[in-house]
N, C-alpha and C. Protein backbone atom coordinates (compact mmCIF):
# COMPACT_ATOMS: atom_id res chain seq x y z
N GLN A 1 1.20 17.36 -13.44
CA GLN A 1 0.34 16.43 -12.67
C GLN A 1 1.04 15.14 -12.25
N VAL A 2 0.65 14.45 -11.44
CA VAL A 2 1.70 13.68 -10.32
C VAL A 2 0.41 12.40 -10.23
N GLN A 3 0.97 11.08 -10.66
CA GLN A 3 0.01 9.67 -10.34
C GLN A 3 0.85 8.83 -9.63
N LEU A 4 -0.33 7.95 -8.68
CA LEU A 4 0.47 6.85 -8.16
C LEU A 4 -0.08 5.28 -8.93
N VAL A 5 0.45 4.66 -9.24
CA VAL A 5 0.24 3.44 -9.80
C VAL A 5 0.39 2.18 -9.29
N GLU A 6 -0.51 1.41 -8.75
CA GLU A 6 -0.40 0.28 -7.77
C GLU A 6 0.22 -1.18 -8.73
N SER A 7 0.41 -2.23 -8.17
CA SER A 7 0.59 -3.15 -9.08
C SER A 7 0.59 -4.34 -7.78
N GLY A 8 0.59 -5.80 -8.67
CA GLY A 8 1.11 -6.48 -7.79
C GLY A 8 -0.57 -7.46 -6.94
N GLY A 9 -1.38 -6.96 -6.94
CA GLY A 9 -2.36 -7.67 -6.72
C GLY A 9 -2.88 -8.78 -7.30
N GLY A 10 -3.84 -9.80 -6.71
CA GLY A 10 -4.49 -10.62 -7.44
C GLY A 10 -4.90 -11.62 -6.65
N TYR A 11 -5.31 -13.09 -7.03
CA TYR A 11 -5.81 -13.97 -6.03
C TYR A 11 -5.05 -14.84 -5.33
N VAL A 12 -5.17 -15.36 -4.42
CA VAL A 12 -3.96 -16.27 -3.58
C VAL A 12 -4.88 -16.69 -1.98
N GLN A 13 -4.30 -17.98 -1.78
CA GLN A 13 -4.83 -18.72 -1.19
C GLN A 13 -4.74 -18.52 0.52
N PRO A 14 -5.20 -18.97 1.01
CA PRO A 14 -4.97 -18.88 2.58
C PRO A 14 -3.82 -19.37 2.83
N GLY A 15 -2.63 -18.56 3.75
CA GLY A 15 -1.48 -18.96 4.25
C GLY A 15 -0.46 -17.92 2.67
N GLY A 16 -0.94 -17.63 1.55
CA GLY A 16 -0.15 -17.86 0.59
C GLY A 16 0.43 -15.95 1.11
N SER A 17 0.91 -15.37 -0.14
CA SER A 17 2.14 -14.01 0.16
C SER A 17 1.50 -13.40 -1.05
N LEU A 18 1.60 -12.24 -1.29
CA LEU A 18 2.23 -11.52 -2.49
C LEU A 18 2.54 -9.64 -2.24
N ARG A 19 3.20 -9.46 -3.33
CA ARG A 19 3.70 -7.99 -2.89
C ARG A 19 2.89 -7.08 -4.05
N LEU A 20 2.86 -5.80 -3.60
CA LEU A 20 2.26 -4.74 -4.04
C LEU A 20 3.31 -3.96 -4.03
N SER A 21 3.25 -3.06 -5.14
CA SER A 21 4.21 -2.25 -5.75
C SER A 21 3.30 -0.87 -5.81
N CYS A 22 4.02 0.39 -5.56
CA CYS A 22 3.39 1.76 -5.76
C CYS A 22 4.19 2.63 -6.09
N ALA A 23 4.11 3.27 -7.29
CA ALA A 23 5.07 4.09 -8.49
C ALA A 23 4.24 5.50 -8.54
N ALA A 24 5.45 6.44 -7.55
CA ALA A 24 4.86 7.86 -7.96
C ALA A 24 5.57 8.34 -9.40
N SER A 25 4.61 8.85 -10.05
CA SER A 25 5.93 9.70 -11.58
C SER A 25 5.07 11.27 -11.25
N GLY A 26 5.32 11.84 -12.44
CA GLY A 26 5.08 13.18 -12.29
C GLY A 26 6.51 14.15 -12.09
N THR A 27 5.98 15.51 -11.97
CA THR A 27 7.01 16.23 -12.03
C THR A 27 6.88 16.19 -10.03
N ILE A 28 7.54 15.64 -9.39
CA ILE A 28 7.98 15.54 -7.67
C ILE A 28 8.98 16.15 -7.26
N TYR A 29 9.26 16.90 -6.45
CA TYR A 29 9.90 17.54 -5.68
C TYR A 29 10.40 17.01 -4.52
N SER A 30 8.96 16.52 -4.00
CA SER A 30 9.69 16.09 -2.54
C SER A 30 8.28 15.10 -1.85
N ILE A 31 8.18 13.54 -1.87
CA ILE A 31 7.41 12.64 -1.22
C ILE A 31 7.10 12.59 0.40
N PHE A 32 6.84 12.95 1.10
CA PHE A 32 6.46 12.87 2.71
C PHE A 32 6.29 11.13 2.74
N THR A 33 5.53 11.34 3.92
CA THR A 33 4.64 9.39 4.28
C THR A 33 4.24 9.15 3.21
N MET A 34 4.45 7.86 2.52
CA MET A 34 3.55 7.04 2.12
C MET A 34 3.12 6.37 2.81
N GLY A 35 1.79 5.51 2.12
CA GLY A 35 1.59 4.20 3.08
C GLY A 35 0.69 4.10 1.95
N TRP A 36 -0.28 2.46 2.45
CA TRP A 36 -1.45 1.55 2.03
C TRP A 36 -2.52 1.88 2.74
N TYR A 37 -3.69 1.04 2.17
CA TYR A 37 -5.10 1.54 2.83
C TYR A 37 -5.68 0.24 2.00
N ARG A 38 -6.44 0.18 2.92
CA ARG A 38 -7.42 -1.14 2.24
C ARG A 38 -8.94 -1.05 2.08
N GLN A 39 -10.11 -1.35 1.66
CA GLN A 39 -11.10 -1.01 1.52
C GLN A 39 -11.69 -2.79 1.65
N ALA A 40 -12.36 -3.29 2.14
CA ALA A 40 -12.79 -3.93 1.67
C ALA A 40 -14.53 -3.69 1.58
N PRO A 41 -15.44 -4.72 1.14
CA PRO A 41 -17.05 -4.02 0.35
C PRO A 41 -17.59 -3.83 1.51
N GLY A 42 -18.63 -2.45 1.13
CA GLY A 42 -19.11 -2.52 2.21
C GLY A 42 -18.47 -1.93 3.51
N LYS A 43 -17.25 -1.58 3.78
CA LYS A 43 -16.87 -1.19 4.78
C LYS A 43 -16.16 0.20 4.06
N GLN A 44 -15.39 0.63 5.79
CA GLN A 44 -14.53 1.97 5.22
C GLN A 44 -13.34 1.91 4.84
N ARG A 45 -12.50 2.70 4.74
CA ARG A 45 -11.32 2.69 3.89
C ARG A 45 -10.19 2.63 5.48
N ASP A 46 -9.47 1.61 5.87
CA ASP A 46 -8.83 1.42 6.87
C ASP A 46 -7.06 1.80 6.41
N LEU A 47 -6.72 2.24 7.12
CA LEU A 47 -4.90 2.23 6.93
C LEU A 47 -4.16 0.69 7.29
N VAL A 48 -3.74 0.61 6.50
CA VAL A 48 -2.64 -0.82 6.34
C VAL A 48 -1.37 -0.50 7.31
N ALA A 49 -0.64 0.51 6.86
CA ALA A 49 0.52 0.49 6.66
C ALA A 49 1.28 2.06 6.27
N THR A 50 2.17 2.78 7.20
CA THR A 50 2.50 3.99 6.68
C THR A 50 4.13 3.88 6.83
N ILE A 51 5.13 4.85 5.73
CA ILE A 51 6.23 5.01 6.36
C ILE A 51 6.90 6.46 6.11
N THR A 52 7.90 6.85 6.68
CA THR A 52 8.33 8.29 6.41
C THR A 52 9.29 8.31 5.23
N ARG A 53 9.46 9.34 5.08
CA ARG A 53 10.73 9.19 4.14
C ARG A 53 11.88 9.10 5.06
N GLY A 54 11.67 9.00 5.75
CA GLY A 54 13.43 8.53 6.95
C GLY A 54 13.12 6.95 6.85
N GLY A 55 12.15 6.47 6.45
CA GLY A 55 11.68 5.07 6.88
C GLY A 55 11.23 4.80 8.08
N ILE A 56 10.65 5.39 9.14
CA ILE A 56 9.54 4.94 10.03
C ILE A 56 8.54 4.32 9.67
N THR A 57 7.95 3.36 10.31
CA THR A 57 7.15 2.13 9.69
C THR A 57 5.85 2.72 10.97
N ASN A 58 4.90 2.41 10.39
CA ASN A 58 3.51 2.10 11.07
C ASN A 58 2.24 1.19 10.81
N TYR A 59 2.52 0.20 11.34
CA TYR A 59 1.37 -0.84 11.40
C TYR A 59 -0.23 -0.89 11.97
N ALA A 60 -1.19 -1.30 10.95
CA ALA A 60 -2.73 -1.82 11.67
C ALA A 60 -2.32 -3.09 12.88
N ASP A 61 -3.37 -2.69 13.97
CA ASP A 61 -2.63 -4.25 14.67
C ASP A 61 -2.97 -5.37 14.07
N SER A 62 -4.28 -5.43 13.29
CA SER A 62 -3.94 -6.65 12.17
C SER A 62 -3.07 -7.48 11.20
N VAL A 63 -2.37 -6.30 10.82
CA VAL A 63 -1.45 -6.61 9.60
C VAL A 63 0.07 -6.79 10.71
N LYS A 64 -0.02 -6.88 11.78
CA LYS A 64 1.71 -6.15 12.53
C LYS A 64 2.31 -7.96 12.53
N GLY A 65 3.39 -8.06 12.04
CA GLY A 65 3.93 -9.54 11.79
C GLY A 65 3.77 -10.61 10.54
N ARG A 66 2.72 -9.83 10.12
CA ARG A 66 2.49 -10.68 8.82
C ARG A 66 2.76 -9.41 7.14
N PHE A 67 3.03 -8.30 7.58
CA PHE A 67 3.24 -7.56 6.12
C PHE A 67 4.09 -6.85 6.84
N THR A 68 4.52 -6.21 5.68
CA THR A 68 6.48 -5.57 5.72
C THR A 68 6.12 -4.17 4.98
N ILE A 69 6.33 -3.15 5.34
CA ILE A 69 6.30 -1.87 4.32
C ILE A 69 7.78 -1.47 4.00
N SER A 70 8.12 -1.09 2.85
CA SER A 70 9.19 -0.62 2.22
C SER A 70 9.19 0.78 1.05
N ARG A 71 10.44 0.87 1.41
CA ARG A 71 10.05 2.10 0.58
C ARG A 71 11.87 2.30 -0.01
N ASP A 72 11.76 2.97 -1.60
CA ASP A 72 12.54 3.13 -2.61
C ASP A 72 12.19 4.59 -2.51
N ASN A 73 13.44 5.57 -2.24
CA ASN A 73 12.91 7.15 -2.43
C ASN A 73 13.62 7.48 -3.70
N VAL A 74 14.67 6.58 -4.55
CA VAL A 74 15.24 7.28 -5.58
C VAL A 74 13.77 6.67 -6.54
N LYS A 75 13.72 5.74 -6.26
CA LYS A 75 12.45 5.11 -7.79
C LYS A 75 11.14 5.77 -7.05
N ARG A 76 11.08 6.74 -6.21
CA ARG A 76 9.36 6.79 -6.07
C ARG A 76 8.41 5.45 -5.38
N THR A 77 8.80 4.77 -4.80
CA THR A 77 8.68 3.51 -4.88
C THR A 77 8.42 3.32 -3.45
N ILE A 78 6.95 2.37 -3.34
CA ILE A 78 6.50 2.04 -1.95
C ILE A 78 6.29 0.22 -2.28
N TYR A 79 6.60 -0.49 -1.49
CA TYR A 79 6.29 -1.72 -1.56
C TYR A 79 5.92 -2.48 -0.16
N LEU A 80 4.53 -3.39 -0.83
CA LEU A 80 3.75 -4.23 0.81
C LEU A 80 3.93 -5.54 0.79
N GLN A 81 5.03 -6.18 1.11
CA GLN A 81 5.02 -7.85 1.25
C GLN A 81 3.97 -8.06 2.32
N MET A 82 3.18 -8.89 1.81
CA MET A 82 2.04 -9.53 2.96
C MET A 82 2.27 -10.97 2.63
N ASN A 83 2.54 -11.77 4.00
CA ASN A 83 2.68 -12.59 4.05
C ASN A 83 1.50 -13.46 4.88
N SER A 84 1.24 -14.60 5.33
CA SER A 84 0.59 -15.38 5.47
C SER A 84 -0.90 -14.64 6.03
N LEU A 85 -1.47 -14.84 4.67
CA LEU A 85 -2.80 -14.01 4.21
C LEU A 85 -4.16 -14.91 4.52
N LYS A 86 -4.60 -13.70 4.72
CA LYS A 86 -5.96 -14.70 5.36
C LYS A 86 -7.19 -14.09 4.77
N PRO A 87 -8.53 -14.89 5.07
CA PRO A 87 -9.10 -13.88 3.96
C PRO A 87 -10.08 -13.00 4.32
N GLU A 88 -10.20 -12.00 5.21
CA GLU A 88 -9.98 -11.33 6.09
C GLU A 88 -9.13 -9.69 5.51
N ASP A 89 -8.27 -10.24 4.97
CA ASP A 89 -7.23 -9.48 4.32
C ASP A 89 -7.76 -9.17 2.48
N THR A 90 -8.69 -9.74 2.40
CA THR A 90 -9.64 -8.97 1.37
C THR A 90 -10.08 -7.80 0.98
N ALA A 91 -9.73 -7.38 -0.24
CA ALA A 91 -9.94 -5.97 0.15
C ALA A 91 -9.32 -5.33 -1.06
N VAL A 92 -9.60 -3.96 -1.74
CA VAL A 92 -9.06 -3.14 -2.52
C VAL A 92 -7.73 -2.24 -1.61
N TYR A 93 -6.82 -2.58 -2.02
CA TYR A 93 -5.61 -1.96 -1.33
C TYR A 93 -5.42 -0.14 -2.21
N TYR A 94 -5.25 0.54 -1.37
CA TYR A 94 -4.91 2.11 -1.97
C TYR A 94 -3.74 2.38 -1.70
N CYS A 95 -2.99 2.88 -2.55
CA CYS A 95 -1.43 3.46 -2.27
C CYS A 95 -2.01 5.14 -2.03
N ASN A 96 -1.24 5.23 -0.82
CA ASN A 96 -1.05 6.94 -0.71
C ASN A 96 0.19 8.27 -0.36
N ALA A 97 -0.03 8.77 -0.64
CA ALA A 97 1.19 9.32 -0.41
C ALA A 97 0.71 11.27 -0.24
N ASP A 98 1.99 11.94 0.63
CA ASP A 98 2.18 13.31 1.12
C ASP A 98 2.84 13.84 0.04
N ILE A 99 2.37 14.11 -1.15
CA ILE A 99 3.16 15.22 -1.86
C ILE A 99 3.53 16.41 -1.86
N MET A 100 4.73 16.90 -1.88
CA MET A 100 4.65 18.22 -2.04
C MET A 100 4.13 19.11 -3.19
N VAL A 101 3.89 20.14 -2.49
CA VAL A 101 2.80 21.08 -3.36
C VAL A 101 1.38 20.54 -3.94
N TYR A 102 1.16 19.09 -3.76
CA TYR A 102 -0.46 18.33 -4.15
C TYR A 102 -0.86 18.07 -3.03
N GLY A 103 -0.31 17.94 -2.01
CA GLY A 103 -0.62 16.69 -0.70
C GLY A 103 -1.28 16.03 -1.20
N ASN A 104 -2.30 15.56 -0.67
CA ASN A 104 -2.62 14.14 -0.42
C ASN A 104 -3.06 13.04 -1.71
N VAL A 105 -2.24 12.37 -1.84
CA VAL A 105 -2.65 11.83 -3.23
C VAL A 105 -3.01 10.64 -3.28
N TRP A 106 -4.31 9.23 -4.22
CA TRP A 106 -4.49 8.39 -3.86
C TRP A 106 -4.09 8.09 -5.29
N GLY A 107 -4.17 6.47 -4.85
CA GLY A 107 -3.99 5.71 -6.51
C GLY A 107 -4.95 4.82 -6.94
N GLN A 108 -4.87 4.31 -7.81
CA GLN A 108 -6.63 4.02 -8.46
C GLN A 108 -6.59 2.67 -7.90
N GLY A 109 -5.83 1.90 -7.41
CA GLY A 109 -6.62 0.79 -6.01
C GLY A 109 -6.00 -0.49 -6.88
N THR A 110 -5.95 -1.91 -5.80
CA THR A 110 -5.23 -2.58 -6.89
C THR A 110 -6.65 -3.86 -6.08
N GLN A 111 -6.61 -5.14 -6.42
CA GLN A 111 -7.63 -5.91 -5.73
C GLN A 111 -6.67 -6.63 -5.27
N VAL A 112 -7.10 -7.41 -3.50
CA VAL A 112 -6.47 -8.51 -3.29
C VAL A 112 -7.79 -9.31 -2.69
N THR A 113 -7.38 -11.21 -3.24
CA THR A 113 -8.71 -11.64 -2.48
C THR A 113 -7.99 -12.88 -1.82
N VAL A 114 -8.30 -12.88 -1.06
CA VAL A 114 -7.70 -14.23 -0.09
C VAL A 114 -9.01 -15.26 0.16
N SER A 115 -8.58 -16.21 -0.80
CA SER A 115 -9.64 -17.60 -0.77
C SER A 115 -9.12 -18.75 -1.08
N SER A 116 -9.57 -20.09 -0.65
CA SER A 116 -9.49 -21.17 -1.04
C SER A 116 -10.12 -22.17 -2.25
């Protein structure tokens, strides 16, 4: 069994920063693309950013220039550095990974609240 465990969410004022982490654990042979998604109340879950094993990144237009996704393959961990946060960034942020044998795996989510 594999797990994705997110951490780093919290409450921040507009313009502030947060850093999310997501670590994969279990018997894992290889992890392909990993990424972050978010879901605001009453809305669908949307892509925030993804990163391939080789480090190729993709971002939603709404976060380009403010968020940075990175990855440590040895630690099986991805990060999301979020700067210049806005109230509209408020959501539950979910980690996702395409893991060999297991397929698409989701974390439990971490709440990010941006408010003054």
